[in-house]
Structure formats: C-alpha cells, structure tokens
Amino acid sequence: MDGGLGAHLDLRSLARVMMSIDRRELELIVSDILRRYLEGETLPAPQVPDPPTPAVLGAAVRAELARRDIHPKALADELGLTTATVRLRMQGVYPFRDEEMETVLRMLDLTLGELHALARHGARFTEPRDSTLPLIPEPPAPAIDVWAQPPRSRRRGRAY
C-alpha cells in the first residue's frame, strides 16, 4: 500500500461529499472505503457534485419555507435581518452566511446535505433548456398592405 489513504482522497472533496449527503449514507460510504483500503485496493477519486449556487440554494430555502407555510418575515426575525435582506439572500443576490445557514437549517429542521439535495432537485426544473426549437411556434406574420390607410381614416376623393 503506497501513499496511504490521503494519496487517493483530497480532503476538500471529501468535505464536500460529507456536506452534501446524509449521515447514514456517509457511514455506508466510509465503511466501504475503509474495507476497500484495508483489502489493499486502489481507491478511485470521489465523484463529488458541485455545490449549489447561492441562487439555487436560496430557491431551495424559499421553497421549503413555502412548503411549511412559513413567511420570510418569520425567518428574518429569527436571523435578526430585515425582510428585504432575507429576500435578497433567497434570490441569490447575496449568499447566506454560515451562521445564518445554521439558523435556517435549525428553523427548517434540515441538515445541510438534505438542503443541498433539495437544491439540486429544484435546479433541474429551473435551468434553462438547451433546445433550439421554440416551445410554441410563432404565428405567421400578417400580410401588410403598405398602401393601406390607417384605421378610421377618410380617403380623399379628389386627386391633386
């Protein structure tokens, strides 16, 4: 066994894995990694999903508040911020700070991994589509008579 366990696992990527999954799944992964390491297998680099963007994470918080029928004002009071600031954080203009995220998770009774899973699930529906075809076909342009008079106008009957 050359290089040890640290040669195959980057600590930053391991921390990202730990934050994005729940406890039971993490225990299964760690026990599998240790078993394979003790058997002398070379461990592949972990496949870690990218963390959600502040906008996607804020949308997940907004959706979870709506599911639980909690008004953003209640979250603002809990965080000690104004409602406008909380709304900007949920829109992704500003990211949630660590202590604010802990308060949000405690208020919603979620783990960070569960919130990241909700954010990844919601992002599937809000990402722009890469389709070149429009969803609704454009109606054909009406034929325009360039010499037509505007509506309700009188035609002059005499020639000049």
C-alpha atoms as a PDB file:
ATOM      1  CA  MET A   1       0.000   0.000   0.000  1.00  0.00           C
ATOM      2  CA  ASP A   2       1.820   3.024  -1.266  1.00  0.00           C
ATOM      3  CA  GLY A   3       0.912   6.588  -0.443  1.00  0.00           C
ATOM      4  CA  GLY A   4      -1.823   5.776   2.076  1.00  0.00           C
ATOM      5  CA  LEU A   5      -5.427   6.835   2.028  1.00  0.00           C
ATOM      6  CA  GLY A   6      -4.601  10.550   1.657  1.00  0.00           C
ATOM      7  CA  ALA A   7      -2.945   9.960  -1.707  1.00  0.00           C
ATOM      8  CA  HIS A   8      -6.259   8.974  -3.251  1.00  0.00           C
ATOM      9  CA  LEU A   9      -8.687  11.289  -1.465  1.00  0.00           C
ATOM     10  CA  ASP A  10      -8.477  15.051  -1.473  1.00  0.00           C
ATOM     11  CA  LEU A  11      -9.644  16.445   1.876  1.00  0.00           C
ATOM     12  CA  ARG A  12     -11.566  19.296   0.239  1.00  0.00           C
ATOM     13  CA  SER A  13     -13.517  16.914  -1.994  1.00  0.00           C
ATOM     14  CA  LEU A  14     -14.136  14.622   0.984  1.00  0.00           C
ATOM     15  CA  ALA A  15     -15.522  17.581   2.956  1.00  0.00           C
ATOM     16  CA  ARG A  16     -17.805  18.479   0.005  1.00  0.00           C
ATOM     17  CA  VAL A  17     -19.080  14.889  -0.040  1.00  0.00           C
ATOM     18  CA  MET A  18     -19.737  14.978   3.682  1.00  0.00           C
ATOM     19  CA  MET A  19     -21.747  18.207   3.408  1.00  0.00           C
ATOM     20  CA  SER A  20     -23.931  17.029   0.542  1.00  0.00           C
ATOM     21  CA  ILE A  21     -25.181  13.658   1.852  1.00  0.00           C
ATOM     22  CA  ASP A  22     -26.990  12.500   4.946  1.00  0.00           C
ATOM     23  CA  ARG A  23     -25.395  10.696   7.903  1.00  0.00           C
ATOM     24  CA  ARG A  24     -26.461   7.112   7.101  1.00  0.00           C
ATOM     25  CA  GLU A  25     -25.254   7.348   3.519  1.00  0.00           C
ATOM     26  CA  LEU A  26     -21.949   8.815   4.737  1.00  0.00           C
ATOM     27  CA  GLU A  27     -21.482   5.923   7.185  1.00  0.00           C
ATOM     28  CA  LEU A  28     -22.010   3.417   4.363  1.00  0.00           C
ATOM     29  CA  ILE A  29     -19.519   5.222   2.127  1.00  0.00           C
ATOM     30  CA  VAL A  30     -16.863   5.474   4.842  1.00  0.00           C
ATOM     31  CA  SER A  31     -17.215   1.810   5.828  1.00  0.00           C
ATOM     32  CA  ASP A  32     -16.923   0.785   2.160  1.00  0.00           C
ATOM     33  CA  ILE A  33     -13.826   2.974   1.667  1.00  0.00           C
ATOM     34  CA  LEU A  34     -12.164   1.594   4.790  1.00  0.00           C
ATOM     35  CA  ARG A  35     -12.949  -2.011   3.826  1.00  0.00           C
ATOM     36  CA  ARG A  36     -11.519  -1.489   0.341  1.00  0.00           C
ATOM     37  CA  TYR A  37      -8.468   0.316   1.739  1.00  0.00           C
ATOM     38  CA  LEU A  38      -7.738  -2.464   4.229  1.00  0.00           C
ATOM     39  CA  GLU A  39      -8.043  -5.031   1.445  1.00  0.00           C
ATOM     40  CA  GLY A  40      -5.359  -3.122  -0.487  1.00  0.00           C
ATOM     41  CA  GLU A  41      -7.476  -1.782  -3.341  1.00  0.00           C
ATOM     42  CA  THR A  42      -6.564   1.460  -5.053  1.00  0.00           C
ATOM     43  CA  LEU A  43      -9.379   3.889  -4.395  1.00  0.00           C
ATOM     44  CA  PRO A  44     -10.758   5.990  -7.249  1.00  0.00           C
ATOM     45  CA  ALA A  45     -11.173   9.717  -6.830  1.00  0.00           C
ATOM     46  CA  PRO A  46     -14.638  10.505  -5.448  1.00  0.00           C
ATOM     47  CA  GLN A  47     -17.274  11.849  -7.786  1.00  0.00           C
ATOM     48  CA  VAL A  48     -18.449  14.954  -5.981  1.00  0.00           C
ATOM     49  CA  PRO A  49     -21.328  17.054  -7.268  1.00  0.00           C
ATOM     50  CA  ASP A  50     -20.662  20.763  -7.462  1.00  0.00           C
ATOM     51  CA  PRO A  51     -22.190  22.665  -4.563  1.00  0.00           C
ATOM     52  CA  PRO A  52     -25.340  24.577  -5.453  1.00  0.00           C
ATOM     53  CA  THR A  53     -25.012  28.238  -6.345  1.00  0.00           C
ATOM     54  CA  PRO A  54     -26.358  30.835  -3.881  1.00  0.00           C
ATOM     55  CA  ALA A  55     -29.385  31.397  -6.145  1.00  0.00           C
ATOM     56  CA  VAL A  56     -30.235  27.683  -6.265  1.00  0.00           C
ATOM     57  CA  LEU A  57     -29.678  27.284  -2.520  1.00  0.00           C
ATOM     58  CA  GLY A  58     -31.827  30.352  -1.829  1.00  0.00           C
ATOM     59  CA  ALA A  59     -34.574  28.956  -4.060  1.00  0.00           C
ATOM     60  CA  ALA A  60     -34.489  25.718  -2.057  1.00  0.00           C
ATOM     61  CA  VAL A  61     -34.843  27.699   1.191  1.00  0.00           C
ATOM     62  CA  ARG A  62     -37.723  29.705  -0.320  1.00  0.00           C
ATOM     63  CA  ALA A  63     -39.448  26.513  -1.492  1.00  0.00           C
ATOM     64  CA  GLU A  64     -39.029  24.821   1.884  1.00  0.00           C
ATOM     65  CA  LEU A  65     -40.424  27.892   3.658  1.00  0.00           C
ATOM     66  CA  ALA A  66     -43.442  27.784   1.335  1.00  0.00           C
ATOM     67  CA  ARG A  67     -43.946  24.045   1.949  1.00  0.00           C
ATOM     68  CA  ARG A  68     -44.007  24.656   5.691  1.00  0.00           C
ATOM     69  CA  ASP A  69     -46.146  27.803   5.341  1.00  0.00           C
ATOM     70  CA  ILE A  70     -43.513  29.998   6.996  1.00  0.00           C
ATOM     71  CA  HIS A  71     -43.417  33.631   5.916  1.00  0.00           C
ATOM     72  CA  PRO A  72     -39.993  35.134   5.101  1.00  0.00           C
ATOM     73  CA  LYS A  73     -40.700  37.723   7.813  1.00  0.00           C
ATOM     74  CA  ALA A  74     -40.506  34.946  10.431  1.00  0.00           C
ATOM     75  CA  LEU A  75     -37.142  33.870   9.033  1.00  0.00           C
ATOM     76  CA  ALA A  76     -35.968  37.497   9.024  1.00  0.00           C
ATOM     77  CA  ASP A  77     -36.960  37.862  12.690  1.00  0.00           C
ATOM     78  CA  GLU A  78     -35.127  34.636  13.542  1.00  0.00           C
ATOM     79  CA  LEU A  79     -31.982  35.780  11.715  1.00  0.00           C
ATOM     80  CA  GLY A  80     -32.171  39.340  13.017  1.00  0.00           C
ATOM     81  CA  LEU A  81     -32.217  40.757   9.483  1.00  0.00           C
ATOM     82  CA  THR A  82     -34.691  42.803   7.508  1.00  0.00           C
ATOM     83  CA  THR A  83     -37.191  41.048   5.271  1.00  0.00           C
ATOM     84  CA  ALA A  84     -35.615  42.704   2.221  1.00  0.00           C
ATOM     85  CA  THR A  85     -32.185  41.278   3.108  1.00  0.00           C
ATOM     86  CA  VAL A  86     -33.623  37.800   3.579  1.00  0.00           C
ATOM     87  CA  ARG A  87     -35.402  38.041   0.228  1.00  0.00           C
ATOM     88  CA  LEU A  88     -32.153  39.112  -1.472  1.00  0.00           C
ATOM     89  CA  ARG A  89     -30.406  36.115   0.098  1.00  0.00           C
ATOM     90  CA  MET A  90     -33.162  33.787  -1.135  1.00  0.00           C
ATOM     91  CA  GLN A  91     -32.877  35.283  -4.637  1.00  0.00           C
ATOM     92  CA  GLY A  92     -29.148  34.560  -4.610  1.00  0.00           C
ATOM     93  CA  VAL A  93     -28.049  38.190  -4.824  1.00  0.00           C
ATOM     94  CA  TYR A  94     -26.100  37.642  -1.579  1.00  0.00           C
ATOM     95  CA  PRO A  95     -25.180  34.192  -0.234  1.00  0.00           C
ATOM     96  CA  PHE A  96     -26.277  33.077   3.228  1.00  0.00           C
ATOM     97  CA  ARG A  97     -23.501  33.390   5.805  1.00  0.00           C
ATOM     98  CA  ASP A  98     -22.521  30.248   7.727  1.00  0.00           C
ATOM     99  CA  GLU A  99     -24.212  31.270  10.989  1.00  0.00           C
ATOM    100  CA  GLU A 100     -27.339  32.328   9.068  1.00  0.00           C
ATOM    101  CA  MET A 101     -27.427  28.986   7.253  1.00  0.00           C
ATOM    102  CA  GLU A 102     -27.166  27.153  10.586  1.00  0.00           C
ATOM    103  CA  THR A 103     -30.145  29.136  11.871  1.00  0.00           C
ATOM    104  CA  VAL A 104     -32.126  28.426   8.679  1.00  0.00           C
ATOM    105  CA  LEU A 105     -31.363  24.697   8.924  1.00  0.00           C
ATOM    106  CA  ARG A 106     -32.329  24.620  12.599  1.00  0.00           C
ATOM    107  CA  MET A 107     -35.573  26.503  11.851  1.00  0.00           C
ATOM    108  CA  LEU A 108     -36.467  24.133   8.978  1.00  0.00           C
ATOM    109  CA  ASP A 109     -35.213  21.049  10.868  1.00  0.00           C
ATOM    110  CA  LEU A 110     -32.984  20.011   7.954  1.00  0.00           C
ATOM    111  CA  THR A 111     -29.363  19.026   7.532  1.00  0.00           C
ATOM    112  CA  LEU A 112     -27.103  20.773   5.060  1.00  0.00           C
ATOM    113  CA  GLY A 113     -26.998  17.601   2.969  1.00  0.00           C
ATOM    114  CA  GLU A 114     -30.791  17.487   2.776  1.00  0.00           C
ATOM    115  CA  LEU A 115     -30.947  21.146   1.760  1.00  0.00           C
ATOM    116  CA  HIS A 116     -28.284  20.570  -0.921  1.00  0.00           C
ATOM    117  CA  ALA A 117     -30.283  17.596  -2.217  1.00  0.00           C
ATOM    118  CA  LEU A 118     -33.427  19.746  -2.374  1.00  0.00           C
ATOM    119  CA  ALA A 119     -31.460  22.463  -4.169  1.00  0.00           C
ATOM    120  CA  ARG A 120     -30.050  20.021  -6.747  1.00  0.00           C
ATOM    121  CA  HIS A 121     -33.522  18.578  -7.298  1.00  0.00           C
ATOM    122  CA  GLY A 122     -35.066  22.027  -7.766  1.00  0.00           C
ATOM    123  CA  ALA A 123     -32.269  23.180 -10.068  1.00  0.00           C
ATOM    124  CA  ARG A 124     -33.269  20.527 -12.593  1.00  0.00           C
ATOM    125  CA  PHE A 125     -36.507  22.402 -13.207  1.00  0.00           C
ATOM    126  CA  THR A 126     -35.150  25.943 -13.246  1.00  0.00           C
ATOM    127  CA  GLU A 127     -32.125  25.507 -15.503  1.00  0.00           C
ATOM    128  CA  PRO A 128     -32.517  26.988 -18.976  1.00  0.00           C
ATOM    129  CA  ARG A 129     -33.151  24.459 -21.694  1.00  0.00           C
ATOM    130  CA  ASP A 130     -30.622  23.926 -24.460  1.00  0.00           C
ATOM    131  CA  SER A 131     -33.276  23.451 -27.093  1.00  0.00           C
ATOM    132  CA  THR A 132     -33.124  25.291 -30.381  1.00  0.00           C
ATOM    133  CA  LEU A 133     -36.791  24.635 -31.058  1.00  0.00           C
ATOM    134  CA  PRO A 134     -39.259  27.072 -29.524  1.00  0.00           C
ATOM    135  CA  LEU A 135     -41.857  25.565 -27.225  1.00  0.00           C
ATOM    136  CA  ILE A 136     -44.717  27.367 -29.019  1.00  0.00           C
ATOM    137  CA  PRO A 137     -44.361  28.037 -32.736  1.00  0.00           C
ATOM    138  CA  GLU A 138     -44.563  31.682 -33.741  1.00  0.00           C
ATOM    139  CA  PRO A 139     -47.693  32.631 -35.708  1.00  0.00           C
ATOM    140  CA  PRO A 140     -47.050  33.680 -39.278  1.00  0.00           C
ATOM    141  CA  ALA A 141     -46.674  37.404 -39.803  1.00  0.00           C
ATOM    142  CA  PRO A 142     -49.820  39.013 -41.238  1.00  0.00           C
ATOM    143  CA  ALA A 143     -49.678  40.243 -44.802  1.00  0.00           C
ATOM    144  CA  ILE A 144     -49.195  44.008 -44.704  1.00  0.00           C
ATOM    145  CA  ASP A 145     -50.508  46.286 -47.399  1.00  0.00           C
ATOM    146  CA  VAL A 146     -48.016  49.153 -47.468  1.00  0.00           C
ATOM    147  CA  TRP A 147     -50.523  51.424 -49.241  1.00  0.00           C
ATOM    148  CA  ALA A 148     -53.383  50.797 -46.829  1.00  0.00           C
ATOM    149  CA  GLN A 149     -54.881  53.728 -44.967  1.00  0.00           C
ATOM    150  CA  PRO A 150     -54.774  53.775 -41.175  1.00  0.00           C
ATOM    151  CA  PRO A 151     -57.939  52.581 -39.485  1.00  0.00           C
ATOM    152  CA  ARG A 152     -60.800  55.147 -39.313  1.00  0.00           C
ATOM    153  CA  SER A 153     -59.176  57.469 -41.794  1.00  0.00           C
ATOM    154  CA  ARG A 154     -61.079  59.061 -44.663  1.00  0.00           C
ATOM    155  CA  ARG A 155     -59.817  58.654 -48.144  1.00  0.00           C
ATOM    156  CA  ARG A 156     -59.623  61.844 -50.042  1.00  0.00           C
ATOM    157  CA  GLY A 157     -61.828  61.644 -53.008  1.00  0.00           C
ATOM    158  CA  ARG A 158     -60.166  64.251 -55.121  1.00  0.00           C
ATOM    159  CA  ALA A 159     -56.890  63.992 -56.886  1.00  0.00           C
ATOM    160  CA  TYR A 160     -54.287  66.693 -56.568  1.00  0.00           C
END
